[in-house]
Amino acid sequence: MALPADARHRWELDEGGTVEIADLGDALLIVPAGRGGLRNLLRDSIDDAGGYAKLAAEVAADEPDLA
């Protein structure tokens, strides 16, 4: 898979490297491997946003069919 040059430089993948990919249905989430892992990145982002319960409540308020 080819990544844009600016992403390769920023992630220090100029010489190649591994990435983790999450298929989100309509998009792919690509992160450099070995930097805490995709699961940890997502967990930290959820925690930074106030936790899963808060995010789920916000989604339920905005989209009752998803509750």
PDB file of N, CA and C in Angstrom:
ATOM      1  N   MET A   1       0.846  -1.152   0.000  1.00  0.00           N
ATOM      2  CA  MET A   1       0.000   0.000   0.000  1.00  0.00           C
ATOM      3  C   MET A   1       0.902   1.227   0.000  1.00  0.00           C
ATOM      4  N   ALA A   2       0.581   2.203  -0.794  1.00  0.00           N
ATOM      5  CA  ALA A   2       1.353   3.438  -0.846  1.00  0.00           C
ATOM      6  C   ALA A   2       0.672   4.504   0.003  1.00  0.00           C
ATOM      7  N   LEU A   3       1.471   5.202   0.791  1.00  0.00           N
ATOM      8  CA  LEU A   3       0.976   6.305   1.609  1.00  0.00           C
ATOM      9  C   LEU A   3       1.522   7.612   1.038  1.00  0.00           C
ATOM     10  N   PRO A   4       0.798   8.717   1.225  1.00  0.00           N
ATOM     11  CA  PRO A   4       1.310  10.006   0.766  1.00  0.00           C
ATOM     12  C   PRO A   4       2.666  10.329   1.410  1.00  0.00           C
ATOM     13  N   ALA A   5       3.509  11.008   0.659  1.00  0.00           N
ATOM     14  CA  ALA A   5       4.863  11.306   1.123  1.00  0.00           C
ATOM     15  C   ALA A   5       4.864  12.055   2.452  1.00  0.00           C
ATOM     16  N   ASP A   6       3.963  13.032   2.635  1.00  0.00           N
ATOM     17  CA  ASP A   6       3.978  13.792   3.883  1.00  0.00           C
ATOM     18  C   ASP A   6       3.667  12.897   5.090  1.00  0.00           C
ATOM     19  N   ALA A   7       2.787  11.919   4.922  1.00  0.00           N
ATOM     20  CA  ALA A   7       2.485  10.976   6.007  1.00  0.00           C
ATOM     21  C   ALA A   7       3.680  10.064   6.280  1.00  0.00           C
ATOM     22  N   ARG A   8       4.342   9.590   5.219  1.00  0.00           N
ATOM     23  CA  ARG A   8       5.523   8.742   5.406  1.00  0.00           C
ATOM     24  C   ARG A   8       6.619   9.478   6.161  1.00  0.00           C
ATOM     25  N   HIS A   9       6.832  10.751   5.831  1.00  0.00           N
ATOM     26  CA  HIS A   9       7.865  11.545   6.511  1.00  0.00           C
ATOM     27  C   HIS A   9       7.482  11.780   7.975  1.00  0.00           C
ATOM     28  N   ARG A  10       6.245  12.178   8.214  1.00  0.00           N
ATOM     29  CA  ARG A  10       5.789  12.488   9.579  1.00  0.00           C
ATOM     30  C   ARG A  10       5.853  11.251  10.467  1.00  0.00           C
ATOM     31  N   TRP A  11       5.526  10.089   9.923  1.00  0.00           N
ATOM     32  CA  TRP A  11       5.502   8.845  10.698  1.00  0.00           C
ATOM     33  C   TRP A  11       6.829   8.102  10.638  1.00  0.00           C
ATOM     34  N   GLU A  12       7.831   8.714   9.994  1.00  0.00           N
ATOM     35  CA  GLU A  12       9.160   8.114   9.862  1.00  0.00           C
ATOM     36  C   GLU A  12       9.097   6.744   9.194  1.00  0.00           C
ATOM     37  N   LEU A  13       8.334   6.675   8.116  1.00  0.00           N
ATOM     38  CA  LEU A  13       8.193   5.441   7.345  1.00  0.00           C
ATOM     39  C   LEU A  13       8.860   5.564   5.975  1.00  0.00           C
ATOM     40  N   ASP A  14       9.808   6.479   5.852  1.00  0.00           N
ATOM     41  CA  ASP A  14      10.461   6.714   4.562  1.00  0.00           C
ATOM     42  C   ASP A  14      11.109   5.462   3.998  1.00  0.00           C
ATOM     43  N   GLU A  15      11.642   4.625   4.865  1.00  0.00           N
ATOM     44  CA  GLU A  15      12.314   3.396   4.446  1.00  0.00           C
ATOM     45  C   GLU A  15      11.361   2.205   4.475  1.00  0.00           C
ATOM     46  N   GLY A  16      10.095   2.472   4.639  1.00  0.00           N
ATOM     47  CA  GLY A  16       9.122   1.400   4.778  1.00  0.00           C
ATOM     48  C   GLY A  16       8.802   1.188   6.244  1.00  0.00           C
ATOM     49  N   GLY A  17       7.859   0.357   6.520  1.00  0.00           N
ATOM     50  CA  GLY A  17       7.478   0.081   7.891  1.00  0.00           C
ATOM     51  C   GLY A  17       6.101  -0.537   7.925  1.00  0.00           C
ATOM     52  N   THR A  18       5.637  -0.816   9.127  1.00  0.00           N
ATOM     53  CA  THR A  18       4.337  -1.450   9.266  1.00  0.00           C
ATOM     54  C   THR A  18       3.330  -0.464   9.846  1.00  0.00           C
ATOM     55  N   VAL A  19       2.097  -0.667   9.463  1.00  0.00           N
ATOM     56  CA  VAL A  19       0.991   0.145   9.958  1.00  0.00           C
ATOM     57  C   VAL A  19      -0.121  -0.784  10.406  1.00  0.00           C
ATOM     58  N   GLU A  20      -1.012  -0.254  11.235  1.00  0.00           N
ATOM     59  CA  GLU A  20      -2.217  -0.972  11.623  1.00  0.00           C
ATOM     60  C   GLU A  20      -3.387  -0.298  10.924  1.00  0.00           C
ATOM     61  N   ILE A  21      -4.346  -1.108  10.485  1.00  0.00           N
ATOM     62  CA  ILE A  21      -5.480  -0.585   9.732  1.00  0.00           C
ATOM     63  C   ILE A  21      -6.774  -1.067  10.368  1.00  0.00           C
ATOM     64  N   ALA A  22      -7.704  -0.126  10.564  1.00  0.00           N
ATOM     65  CA  ALA A  22      -9.047  -0.459  11.036  1.00  0.00           C
ATOM     66  C   ALA A  22     -10.022  -0.102   9.925  1.00  0.00           C
ATOM     67  N   ASP A  23     -10.807  -1.068   9.496  1.00  0.00           N
ATOM     68  CA  ASP A  23     -11.826  -0.852   8.473  1.00  0.00           C
ATOM     69  C   ASP A  23     -13.074  -0.319   9.159  1.00  0.00           C
ATOM     70  N   LEU A  24     -13.418   0.936   8.894  1.00  0.00           N
ATOM     71  CA  LEU A  24     -14.565   1.578   9.528  1.00  0.00           C
ATOM     72  C   LEU A  24     -15.813   1.527   8.650  1.00  0.00           C
ATOM     73  N   GLY A  25     -15.764   0.747   7.607  1.00  0.00           N
ATOM     74  CA  GLY A  25     -16.913   0.642   6.708  1.00  0.00           C
ATOM     75  C   GLY A  25     -16.765   1.565   5.516  1.00  0.00           C
ATOM     76  N   ASP A  26     -16.900   2.872   5.759  1.00  0.00           N
ATOM     77  CA  ASP A  26     -16.778   3.857   4.685  1.00  0.00           C
ATOM     78  C   ASP A  26     -15.386   4.466   4.597  1.00  0.00           C
ATOM     79  N   ALA A  27     -14.501   4.073   5.504  1.00  0.00           N
ATOM     80  CA  ALA A  27     -13.159   4.648   5.543  1.00  0.00           C
ATOM     81  C   ALA A  27     -12.207   3.668   6.213  1.00  0.00           C
ATOM     82  N   LEU A  28     -10.921   3.918   6.030  1.00  0.00           N
ATOM     83  CA  LEU A  28      -9.888   3.156   6.713  1.00  0.00           C
ATOM     84  C   LEU A  28      -9.154   4.096   7.666  1.00  0.00           C
ATOM     85  N   LEU A  29      -8.859   3.610   8.862  1.00  0.00           N
ATOM     86  CA  LEU A  29      -8.041   4.333   9.822  1.00  0.00           C
ATOM     87  C   LEU A  29      -6.681   3.660   9.802  1.00  0.00           C
ATOM     88  N   ILE A  30      -5.631   4.412   9.461  1.00  0.00           N
ATOM     89  CA  ILE A  30      -4.286   3.870   9.329  1.00  0.00           C
ATOM     90  C   ILE A  30      -3.384   4.576  10.338  1.00  0.00           C
ATOM     91  N   VAL A  31      -2.708   3.812  11.187  1.00  0.00           N
ATOM     92  CA  VAL A  31      -1.775   4.374  12.169  1.00  0.00           C
ATOM     93  C   VAL A  31      -0.484   3.574  12.129  1.00  0.00           C
ATOM     94  N   PRO A  32       0.647   4.222  12.456  1.00  0.00           N
ATOM     95  CA  PRO A  32       1.904   3.488  12.500  1.00  0.00           C
ATOM     96  C   PRO A  32       1.840   2.391  13.556  1.00  0.00           C
ATOM     97  N   ALA A  33       2.376   1.232  13.257  1.00  0.00           N
ATOM     98  CA  ALA A  33       2.399   0.119  14.210  1.00  0.00           C
ATOM     99  C   ALA A  33       3.507   0.348  15.224  1.00  0.00           C
ATOM    100  N   GLY A  34       3.362  -0.286  16.380  1.00  0.00           N
ATOM    101  CA  GLY A  34       4.415  -0.255  17.366  1.00  0.00           C
ATOM    102  C   GLY A  34       4.484   0.989  18.212  1.00  0.00           C
ATOM    103  N   ARG A  35       3.479   1.829  18.161  1.00  0.00           N
ATOM    104  CA  ARG A  35       3.477   3.045  18.974  1.00  0.00           C
ATOM    105  C   ARG A  35       2.314   2.998  19.953  1.00  0.00           C
ATOM    106  N   GLY A  36       2.158   1.860  20.609  1.00  0.00           N
ATOM    107  CA  GLY A  36       1.071   1.707  21.546  1.00  0.00           C
ATOM    108  C   GLY A  36      -0.085   0.926  20.956  1.00  0.00           C
ATOM    109  N   GLY A  37      -0.100   0.760  19.669  1.00  0.00           N
ATOM    110  CA  GLY A  37      -1.132  -0.023  19.016  1.00  0.00           C
ATOM    111  C   GLY A  37      -2.423   0.752  18.803  1.00  0.00           C
ATOM    112  N   LEU A  38      -3.155   0.304  17.820  1.00  0.00           N
ATOM    113  CA  LEU A  38      -4.413   0.948  17.449  1.00  0.00           C
ATOM    114  C   LEU A  38      -5.415   0.895  18.589  1.00  0.00           C
ATOM    115  N   ARG A  39      -5.502  -0.234  19.273  1.00  0.00           N
ATOM    116  CA  ARG A  39      -6.446  -0.371  20.388  1.00  0.00           C
ATOM    117  C   ARG A  39      -6.145   0.655  21.482  1.00  0.00           C
ATOM    118  N   ASN A  40      -4.862   0.835  21.814  1.00  0.00           N
ATOM    119  CA  ASN A  40      -4.499   1.816  22.831  1.00  0.00           C
ATOM    120  C   ASN A  40      -4.784   3.239  22.381  1.00  0.00           C
ATOM    121  N   LEU A  41      -4.528   3.527  21.102  1.00  0.00           N
ATOM    122  CA  LEU A  41      -4.810   4.853  20.559  1.00  0.00           C
ATOM    123  C   LEU A  41      -6.297   5.172  20.679  1.00  0.00           C
ATOM    124  N   LEU A  42      -7.140   4.212  20.310  1.00  0.00           N
ATOM    125  CA  LEU A  42      -8.589   4.425  20.407  1.00  0.00           C
ATOM    126  C   LEU A  42      -9.035   4.562  21.859  1.00  0.00           C
ATOM    127  N   ARG A  43      -8.496   3.718  22.729  1.00  0.00           N
ATOM    128  CA  ARG A  43      -8.848   3.792  24.157  1.00  0.00           C
ATOM    129  C   ARG A  43      -8.473   5.154  24.733  1.00  0.00           C
ATOM    130  N   ASP A  44      -7.285   5.645  24.417  1.00  0.00           N
ATOM    131  CA  ASP A  44      -6.847   6.951  24.909  1.00  0.00           C
ATOM    132  C   ASP A  44      -7.743   8.071  24.370  1.00  0.00           C
ATOM    133  N   SER A  45      -8.146   7.969  23.111  1.00  0.00           N
ATOM    134  CA  SER A  45      -9.023   8.984  22.524  1.00  0.00           C
ATOM    135  C   SER A  45     -10.392   8.988  23.191  1.00  0.00           C
ATOM    136  N   ILE A  46     -10.914   7.808  23.473  1.00  0.00           N
ATOM    137  CA  ILE A  46     -12.207   7.708  24.169  1.00  0.00           C
ATOM    138  C   ILE A  46     -12.082   8.283  25.573  1.00  0.00           C
ATOM    139  N   ASP A  47     -11.009   7.961  26.278  1.00  0.00           N
ATOM    140  CA  ASP A  47     -10.792   8.497  27.623  1.00  0.00           C
ATOM    141  C   ASP A  47     -10.672  10.017  27.593  1.00  0.00           C
ATOM    142  N   ASP A  48      -9.936  10.544  26.608  1.00  0.00           N
ATOM    143  CA  ASP A  48      -9.768  11.993  26.474  1.00  0.00           C
ATOM    144  C   ASP A  48     -11.095  12.703  26.198  1.00  0.00           C
ATOM    145  N   ALA A  49     -12.029  11.994  25.570  1.00  0.00           N
ATOM    146  CA  ALA A  49     -13.340  12.572  25.245  1.00  0.00           C
ATOM    147  C   ALA A  49     -14.335  12.430  26.392  1.00  0.00           C
ATOM    148  N   GLY A  50     -13.902  11.878  27.522  1.00  0.00           N
ATOM    149  CA  GLY A  50     -14.787  11.776  28.673  1.00  0.00           C
ATOM    150  C   GLY A  50     -15.255  10.374  28.993  1.00  0.00           C
ATOM    151  N   GLY A  51     -14.802   9.403  28.233  1.00  0.00           N
ATOM    152  CA  GLY A  51     -15.159   8.013  28.502  1.00  0.00           C
ATOM    153  C   GLY A  51     -16.273   7.509  27.611  1.00  0.00           C
ATOM    154  N   TYR A  52     -16.363   6.180  27.563  1.00  0.00           N
ATOM    155  CA  TYR A  52     -17.330   5.528  26.681  1.00  0.00           C
ATOM    156  C   TYR A  52     -18.772   5.886  27.040  1.00  0.00           C
ATOM    157  N   ALA A  53     -19.102   5.882  28.331  1.00  0.00           N
ATOM    158  CA  ALA A  53     -20.478   6.158  28.746  1.00  0.00           C
ATOM    159  C   ALA A  53     -20.925   7.540  28.281  1.00  0.00           C
ATOM    160  N   LYS A  54     -20.055   8.522  28.418  1.00  0.00           N
ATOM    161  CA  LYS A  54     -20.389   9.882  27.971  1.00  0.00           C
ATOM    162  C   LYS A  54     -20.596   9.922  26.459  1.00  0.00           C
ATOM    163  N   LEU A  55     -19.683   9.302  25.716  1.00  0.00           N
ATOM    164  CA  LEU A  55     -19.807   9.301  24.259  1.00  0.00           C
ATOM    165  C   LEU A  55     -21.063   8.565  23.806  1.00  0.00           C
ATOM    166  N   ALA A  56     -21.361   7.429  24.439  1.00  0.00           N
ATOM    167  CA  ALA A  56     -22.561   6.665  24.085  1.00  0.00           C
ATOM    168  C   ALA A  56     -23.817   7.477  24.375  1.00  0.00           C
ATOM    169  N   ALA A  57     -23.843   8.193  25.496  1.00  0.00           N
ATOM    170  CA  ALA A  57     -25.007   9.017  25.834  1.00  0.00           C
ATOM    171  C   ALA A  57     -25.189  10.145  24.818  1.00  0.00           C
ATOM    172  N   GLU A  58     -24.085  10.735  24.374  1.00  0.00           N
ATOM    173  CA  GLU A  58     -24.174  11.796  23.373  1.00  0.00           C
ATOM    174  C   GLU A  58     -24.702  11.264  22.043  1.00  0.00           C
ATOM    175  N   VAL A  59     -24.246  10.091  21.658  1.00  0.00           N
ATOM    176  CA  VAL A  59     -24.726   9.487  20.411  1.00  0.00           C
ATOM    177  C   VAL A  59     -26.216   9.159  20.547  1.00  0.00           C
ATOM    178  N   ALA A  60     -26.611   8.594  21.670  1.00  0.00           N
ATOM    179  CA  ALA A  60     -28.019   8.250  21.887  1.00  0.00           C
ATOM    180  C   ALA A  60     -28.896   9.489  21.850  1.00  0.00           C
ATOM    181  N   ALA A  61     -28.407  10.603  22.385  1.00  0.00           N
ATOM    182  CA  ALA A  61     -29.187  11.845  22.370  1.00  0.00           C
ATOM    183  C   ALA A  61     -29.337  12.384  20.947  1.00  0.00           C
ATOM    184  N   ASP A  62     -28.255  12.261  20.162  1.00  0.00           N
ATOM    185  CA  ASP A  62     -28.279  12.765  18.777  1.00  0.00           C
ATOM    186  C   ASP A  62     -28.977  11.808  17.810  1.00  0.00           C
ATOM    187  N   GLU A  63     -28.841  10.511  18.061  1.00  0.00           N
ATOM    188  CA  GLU A  63     -29.363   9.473  17.166  1.00  0.00           C
ATOM    189  C   GLU A  63     -30.057   8.394  17.989  1.00  0.00           C
ATOM    190  N   PRO A  64     -31.316   8.612  18.403  1.00  0.00           N
ATOM    191  CA  PRO A  64     -32.001   7.658  19.272  1.00  0.00           C
ATOM    192  C   PRO A  64     -32.046   6.238  18.703  1.00  0.00           C
ATOM    193  N   ASP A  65     -32.036   6.077  17.387  1.00  0.00           N
ATOM    194  CA  ASP A  65     -32.086   4.743  16.798  1.00  0.00           C
ATOM    195  C   ASP A  65     -30.819   3.941  17.067  1.00  0.00           C
ATOM    196  N   LEU A  66     -29.723   4.627  17.426  1.00  0.00           N
ATOM    197  CA  LEU A  66     -28.455   3.946  17.693  1.00  0.00           C
ATOM    198  C   LEU A  66     -28.300   3.591  19.166  1.00  0.00           C
ATOM    199  N   ALA A  67     -29.220   4.036  20.000  1.00  0.00           N
ATOM    200  CA  ALA A  67     -29.110   3.779  21.444  1.00  0.00           C
ATOM    201  C   ALA A  67     -29.352   2.326  21.755  1.00  0.00           C
TER     202      ALA A  67
END
